[in-house]
Amino acid sequence: MQSEFKHISIMPDEVIEYLNIKPDGIYVDGTLGGGGHAFLVAGRLSGQGRLIGIDQDGDAIRAAGERLADYRDRVEIVRDNYSSMRKILEDRSIDRVDGILLDLGVSSWQLDQGQRGFSYREDAPLDMRMDQRQDLTAADIVNDYSETDLFHVIRNYGEDPFAKNIAKHIVRARAEKPVETTGQLADIIKASIPAKVRKGGGHPAKRTFQALRIEVNQELEVLKSNLEDMVDLLNDGGRMCVITFHSLEDRIVKKTFRACENPCICPPEFPVCTCGKVSKGRVLTRKPVLPDPNELEENSRARSAKLRVFERRMI
């Protein structure tokens, strides 16, 4: 029996303030989760307003449906990846929206559910799929990727300085028997990192588990490939809020938002722009918005969260 889907929404007040909600507007929550942010958005919409919530996790869909039941007149929930946002809107004859929210990463509930395999703190099957309809699991990556590919995944997505040694230990261990559980993998990682290093810096498996989760769900590729397109879906004055939880995500959002604000690729010495690229709006957060001390006290998982906001402006 599964526990109730619980997830504490990150920076809810800041998100609502930056979305600048119009009561009759159309909004999209591309990472619906348990519906925490969506509940706050829906409560500020009139009967003419509309909220479309997207999530690929079946448990999240069920939980959000219950949480948003009182707003069913203005909320529609879709099980999909936010990469399909344009098609989802086109299917509903919607050209543009007034606000988009992405709260990236893994939810508190997903981490706490042992059988989902996201956490290194419980022994469970190596899964890590956010959409359990897909085939590829973390176990497939750990057991089937070459040592070189494992090294690249762990180094690039986990930024672990011991990536090479971890990959080598995984390959050596799986030659004896398949690595099928989070406990097995955590032990392998622990054995591949020097004891003096393990004393500080958190759990030794943290970075590798992050890397595997990103690879399983193609999180960075999906973000990088779709972020600018989502900006294009905004109405004039519409805003996009993105909450990230690690430097790789934040870097993509920061770079994309800056490029949307200033897309000119002309050499600096050119007196006037000749490339013809036009600004799509402005970044409202020169520095990322961080959770305040009170929120951090109540929710330690908000510690690494950063909020960046872009406002669409059409010339």
Protein backbone atom coordinates (compact mmCIF):
# COMPACT_ATOMS: atom_id res chain seq x y z
CA MET A 1 0.00 0.00 0.00
CA GLN A 2 1.41 3.37 -0.99
CA SER A 3 1.59 6.28 1.40
CA GLU A 4 -0.09 9.59 0.73
CA PHE A 5 1.69 11.75 -1.85
CA LYS A 6 3.19 14.58 0.18
CA HIS A 7 5.43 17.36 -1.08
CA ILE A 8 6.09 20.72 0.51
CA SER A 9 5.90 23.41 -2.14
CA ILE A 10 9.08 25.47 -2.47
CA MET A 11 8.89 29.27 -2.18
CA PRO A 12 5.09 29.35 -2.66
CA ASP A 13 4.70 33.05 -1.81
CA GLU A 14 7.51 34.07 -4.15
CA VAL A 15 6.14 31.97 -7.01
CA ILE A 16 2.66 33.45 -6.68
CA GLU A 17 4.07 36.99 -6.51
CA TYR A 18 6.23 36.56 -9.61
CA LEU A 19 3.53 34.82 -11.66
CA ASN A 20 1.46 38.00 -11.24
CA ILE A 21 -1.75 36.03 -11.75
CA LYS A 22 -4.61 37.45 -13.78
CA PRO A 23 -7.95 36.03 -12.57
CA ASP A 24 -9.09 35.29 -16.15
CA GLY A 25 -5.68 34.14 -17.37
CA ILE A 26 -4.38 30.77 -18.56
CA TYR A 27 -1.55 29.13 -16.61
CA VAL A 28 0.46 25.94 -16.94
CA ASP A 29 2.15 24.03 -14.13
CA GLY A 30 4.53 21.81 -16.08
CA THR A 31 5.63 19.81 -13.03
CA LEU A 32 2.38 19.42 -11.12
CA GLY A 33 3.59 17.06 -8.39
CA GLY A 34 1.13 16.94 -5.52
CA GLY A 35 -0.53 20.15 -6.74
CA GLY A 36 0.75 22.50 -4.04
CA HIS A 37 1.68 25.43 -6.29
CA ALA A 38 -1.27 24.67 -8.58
CA PHE A 39 -3.68 24.89 -5.64
CA LEU A 40 -2.46 28.41 -4.88
CA VAL A 41 -2.71 29.44 -8.55
CA ALA A 42 -6.19 27.96 -8.98
CA GLY A 43 -7.41 29.77 -5.89
CA ARG A 44 -6.57 33.08 -7.54
CA LEU A 45 -8.36 32.32 -10.79
CA SER A 46 -11.94 33.24 -11.60
CA GLY A 47 -14.39 30.86 -13.25
CA GLN A 48 -13.07 32.17 -16.59
CA GLY A 49 -9.45 31.42 -15.68
CA ARG A 50 -7.76 28.17 -16.56
CA LEU A 51 -4.92 26.06 -15.16
CA ILE A 52 -3.39 23.09 -16.97
CA GLY A 53 -1.30 20.83 -14.77
CA ILE A 54 1.19 18.41 -16.35
CA ASP A 55 3.04 15.56 -14.67
CA GLN A 56 4.40 12.22 -15.82
CA ASP A 57 4.12 10.50 -12.43
CA GLY A 58 0.88 8.56 -12.00
CA ASP A 59 0.94 8.91 -8.21
CA ALA A 60 1.34 12.67 -8.54
CA ILE A 61 -1.58 12.84 -10.95
CA ARG A 62 -3.85 11.03 -8.49
CA ALA A 63 -2.77 13.16 -5.55
CA ALA A 64 -3.09 16.44 -7.46
CA GLY A 65 -6.55 15.43 -8.69
CA GLU A 66 -7.72 15.04 -5.11
CA ARG A 67 -6.09 18.24 -3.93
CA LEU A 68 -7.52 20.30 -6.79
CA ALA A 69 -10.99 18.72 -6.75
CA ASP A 70 -12.68 21.93 -5.59
CA TYR A 71 -11.30 23.73 -8.65
CA ARG A 72 -12.27 21.21 -11.30
CA ASP A 73 -14.18 23.95 -13.15
CA ARG A 74 -10.89 25.70 -13.97
CA VAL A 75 -8.22 22.97 -13.72
CA GLU A 76 -7.28 20.25 -16.19
CA ILE A 77 -4.65 17.63 -15.37
CA VAL A 78 -2.63 15.88 -18.08
CA ARG A 79 -0.29 12.93 -17.61
CA ASP A 80 2.66 13.75 -19.82
CA ASN A 81 6.10 15.36 -19.80
CA TYR A 82 6.28 19.15 -19.96
CA SER A 83 8.24 18.70 -23.20
CA SER A 84 4.82 18.09 -24.78
CA MET A 85 3.47 21.43 -23.56
CA ARG A 86 3.10 23.01 -27.00
CA LYS A 87 1.12 20.03 -28.33
CA ILE A 88 -1.00 19.86 -25.16
CA LEU A 89 -1.94 23.50 -25.64
CA GLU A 90 -2.51 23.12 -29.39
CA ASP A 91 -4.85 20.19 -28.73
CA ARG A 92 -6.91 22.57 -26.59
CA SER A 93 -6.81 25.40 -29.15
CA ILE A 94 -4.60 27.52 -26.89
CA ASP A 95 -1.97 29.62 -28.66
CA ARG A 96 -0.43 31.40 -25.68
CA VAL A 97 -0.64 31.44 -21.90
CA ASP A 98 -0.13 34.01 -19.16
CA GLY A 99 2.24 32.04 -16.97
CA ILE A 100 4.27 28.83 -16.79
CA LEU A 101 5.78 27.20 -13.71
CA LEU A 102 8.43 24.47 -13.57
CA ASP A 103 9.45 23.06 -10.18
CA LEU A 104 12.24 20.73 -11.26
CA GLY A 105 13.84 17.71 -9.67
CA VAL A 106 12.49 14.91 -7.51
CA SER A 107 9.67 15.44 -4.99
CA SER A 108 9.88 14.75 -1.26
CA TRP A 109 7.36 11.95 -1.71
CA GLN A 110 9.37 10.27 -4.45
CA LEU A 111 12.47 10.36 -2.26
CA ASP A 112 10.59 8.93 0.70
CA GLN A 113 8.97 6.10 -1.26
CA GLY A 114 11.51 3.29 -0.96
CA GLN A 115 10.18 1.22 -3.86
CA ARG A 116 10.74 4.05 -6.36
CA GLY A 117 14.51 3.72 -5.94
CA PHE A 118 15.34 7.43 -5.81
CA SER A 119 16.94 7.34 -2.36
CA TYR A 120 20.24 5.87 -1.22
CA ARG A 121 18.94 5.74 2.37
CA GLU A 122 16.66 2.74 1.80
CA ASP A 123 17.35 -0.59 0.12
CA ALA A 124 15.00 -0.87 -2.84
CA PRO A 125 14.96 -1.86 -6.52
CA LEU A 126 17.09 0.44 -8.69
CA ASP A 127 14.32 2.22 -10.58
CA MET A 128 14.32 6.06 -10.52
CA ARG A 129 11.74 6.43 -13.30
CA MET A 130 9.53 9.48 -12.87
CA ASP A 131 7.24 8.02 -15.51
CA GLN A 132 6.89 4.35 -14.74
CA ARG A 133 5.51 3.71 -18.21
CA GLN A 134 8.99 4.08 -19.68
CA ASP A 135 11.33 1.11 -20.04
CA LEU A 136 14.76 2.42 -19.03
CA THR A 137 15.57 2.14 -15.31
CA ALA A 138 18.61 2.99 -13.21
CA ALA A 139 19.35 -0.75 -13.02
CA ASP A 140 19.62 -0.88 -16.82
CA ILE A 141 22.15 1.95 -16.79
CA VAL A 142 24.21 0.51 -13.94
CA ASN A 143 24.34 -2.98 -15.46
CA ASP A 144 24.41 -2.27 -19.20
CA TYR A 145 26.34 0.97 -19.78
CA SER A 146 30.02 0.65 -20.56
CA GLU A 147 32.53 1.82 -17.95
CA THR A 148 33.28 4.88 -20.09
CA ASP A 149 29.61 5.79 -20.42
CA LEU A 150 29.04 5.32 -16.69
CA PHE A 151 32.01 7.58 -15.99
CA HIS A 152 30.60 10.30 -18.26
CA VAL A 153 27.14 10.11 -16.67
CA ILE A 154 28.50 10.31 -13.13
CA ARG A 155 31.01 13.05 -13.96
CA ASN A 156 28.73 15.19 -16.12
CA TYR A 157 25.48 14.89 -14.19
CA GLY A 158 26.78 14.21 -10.68
CA GLU A 159 29.93 16.36 -10.89
CA ASP A 160 31.60 13.74 -8.71
CA PRO A 161 35.42 13.98 -8.57
CA PHE A 162 35.57 10.21 -8.01
CA ALA A 163 33.46 9.38 -11.07
CA LYS A 164 36.18 7.31 -12.71
CA ASN A 165 36.74 5.17 -9.64
CA ILE A 166 33.01 4.75 -9.02
CA ALA A 167 32.44 3.56 -12.61
CA LYS A 168 35.33 1.10 -12.29
CA HIS A 169 33.96 -0.33 -9.03
CA ILE A 170 30.45 -0.68 -10.50
CA VAL A 171 31.74 -2.62 -13.51
CA ARG A 172 33.84 -4.85 -11.26
CA ALA A 173 30.89 -5.55 -8.94
CA ARG A 174 28.39 -6.29 -11.71
CA ALA A 175 30.80 -8.83 -13.25
CA GLU A 176 30.18 -10.96 -10.16
CA LYS A 177 26.42 -10.38 -9.96
CA PRO A 178 23.93 -7.81 -11.27
CA VAL A 179 23.54 -4.63 -9.23
CA GLU A 180 19.79 -4.57 -8.62
CA THR A 181 19.15 -2.52 -5.48
CA THR A 182 19.94 0.93 -4.15
CA GLY A 183 21.64 -0.66 -1.15
CA GLN A 184 24.03 -2.63 -3.33
CA LEU A 185 24.89 0.45 -5.36
CA ALA A 186 25.37 2.65 -2.29
CA ASP A 187 27.81 0.12 -0.83
CA ILE A 188 29.77 -0.04 -4.09
CA ILE A 189 30.03 3.75 -4.24
CA LYS A 190 31.07 3.95 -0.59
CA ALA A 191 33.87 1.43 -1.18
CA SER A 192 35.16 3.44 -4.16
CA ILE A 193 35.63 6.71 -2.24
CA PRO A 194 38.52 7.18 0.24
CA ALA A 195 37.47 6.97 3.90
CA LYS A 196 38.87 10.42 4.76
CA VAL A 197 36.73 11.97 2.00
CA ARG A 198 33.59 10.17 3.21
CA LYS A 199 33.82 11.89 6.59
CA GLY A 200 32.58 15.19 5.15
CA GLY A 201 30.36 16.40 2.34
CA GLY A 202 27.25 14.33 2.92
CA HIS A 203 26.42 10.81 1.78
CA PRO A 204 29.02 9.45 -0.68
CA ALA A 205 26.29 8.13 -3.01
CA LYS A 206 24.42 11.43 -3.32
CA ARG A 207 26.08 12.66 -6.51
CA THR A 208 25.92 9.33 -8.33
CA PHE A 209 22.25 8.84 -7.49
CA GLN A 210 21.53 12.35 -8.81
CA ALA A 211 23.44 11.54 -11.99
CA LEU A 212 21.56 8.29 -12.57
CA ARG A 213 18.19 9.93 -11.96
CA ILE A 214 19.00 12.67 -14.47
CA GLU A 215 20.12 10.10 -17.05
CA VAL A 216 17.08 7.83 -16.54
CA ASN A 217 14.65 10.71 -17.00
CA GLN A 218 16.74 12.78 -19.45
CA GLU A 219 16.04 15.77 -17.22
CA LEU A 220 18.68 18.16 -18.51
CA GLU A 221 18.09 17.37 -22.17
CA VAL A 222 14.36 17.92 -21.77
CA LEU A 223 14.96 21.24 -20.00
CA LYS A 224 17.56 22.47 -22.47
CA SER A 225 15.50 21.47 -25.52
CA ASN A 226 12.20 23.00 -24.40
CA LEU A 227 12.86 26.04 -22.22
CA GLU A 228 13.05 28.65 -24.97
CA ASP A 229 10.06 27.14 -26.74
CA MET A 230 8.03 27.55 -23.56
CA VAL A 231 9.03 31.22 -23.41
CA ASP A 232 7.54 31.52 -26.91
CA LEU A 233 4.23 30.20 -25.54
CA LEU A 234 3.82 33.21 -23.25
CA ASN A 235 1.51 36.13 -23.93
CA ASP A 236 2.92 39.65 -23.85
CA GLY A 237 3.62 40.28 -20.16
CA GLY A 238 3.35 36.58 -19.34
CA ARG A 239 5.89 35.14 -16.95
CA MET A 240 7.82 31.91 -16.57
CA CYS A 241 9.02 30.78 -13.14
CA VAL A 242 11.56 27.96 -12.86
CA ILE A 243 12.74 26.43 -9.59
CA THR A 244 15.99 24.46 -9.83
CA PHE A 245 17.79 22.31 -7.28
CA HIS A 246 21.31 21.90 -8.58
CA SER A 247 23.88 23.88 -10.52
CA LEU A 248 23.41 22.03 -13.82
CA GLU A 249 19.71 22.92 -14.04
CA ASP A 250 20.29 26.46 -12.82
CA ARG A 251 23.02 27.02 -15.40
CA ILE A 252 20.69 26.00 -18.24
CA VAL A 253 17.89 28.28 -17.02
CA LYS A 254 20.22 31.23 -16.44
CA LYS A 255 21.86 30.87 -19.86
CA THR A 256 18.56 30.39 -21.73
CA PHE A 257 16.83 33.32 -20.05
CA ARG A 258 19.81 35.57 -20.79
CA ALA A 259 19.80 34.48 -24.45
CA CYS A 260 16.06 35.18 -24.67
CA GLU A 261 16.64 38.67 -23.29
CA ASN A 262 19.66 39.45 -25.43
CA PRO A 263 19.85 37.06 -28.41
CA CYS A 264 22.11 39.21 -30.58
CA ILE A 265 25.11 37.26 -31.91
CA CYS A 266 26.79 40.15 -33.73
CA PRO A 267 30.46 40.78 -32.89
CA PRO A 268 30.86 43.43 -30.15
CA GLU A 269 32.61 45.81 -32.57
CA PHE A 270 29.54 46.04 -34.86
CA PRO A 271 27.96 49.52 -34.46
CA VAL A 272 24.44 48.15 -35.08
CA CYS A 273 22.86 44.71 -34.90
CA THR A 274 22.71 42.90 -38.24
CA CYS A 275 21.82 39.37 -37.11
CA GLY A 276 18.13 40.26 -36.79
CA LYS A 277 17.59 38.36 -33.53
CA VAL A 278 15.00 40.13 -31.39
CA SER A 279 14.71 40.11 -27.62
CA LYS A 280 11.84 38.02 -26.25
CA GLY A 281 11.57 39.95 -23.00
CA ARG A 282 13.49 40.49 -19.79
CA VAL A 283 14.92 38.55 -16.89
CA LEU A 284 13.20 39.69 -13.68
CA THR A 285 15.70 37.95 -11.39
CA ARG A 286 19.26 39.15 -11.97
CA LYS A 287 20.22 36.93 -9.08
CA PRO A 288 18.18 33.83 -8.26
CA VAL A 289 15.56 34.13 -5.54
CA LEU A 290 16.40 31.90 -2.57
CA PRO A 291 14.17 30.50 0.20
CA ASP A 292 14.06 32.66 3.31
CA PRO A 293 15.42 31.39 6.66
CA ASN A 294 11.96 30.51 7.97
CA GLU A 295 11.28 28.23 5.01
CA LEU A 296 14.67 26.57 5.36
CA GLU A 297 13.95 25.89 9.01
CA GLU A 298 10.68 24.17 8.14
CA ASN A 299 11.89 22.39 4.99
CA SER A 300 15.56 21.44 4.75
CA ARG A 301 15.05 20.16 1.19
CA ALA A 302 14.55 23.76 0.07
CA ARG A 303 18.21 24.43 0.87
CA SER A 304 19.49 24.19 -2.72
CA ALA A 305 16.43 25.71 -4.41
CA LYS A 306 16.77 28.70 -6.74
CA LEU A 307 13.97 30.57 -8.50
CA ARG A 308 14.52 32.43 -11.78
CA VAL A 309 11.84 34.39 -13.63
CA PHE A 310 11.47 35.62 -17.20
CA GLU A 311 8.83 38.07 -18.47
CA ARG A 312 7.78 37.93 -22.12
CA ARG A 313 7.73 41.23 -23.97
CA MET A 314 6.68 41.44 -27.59
CA ILE A 315 7.94 44.29 -29.73
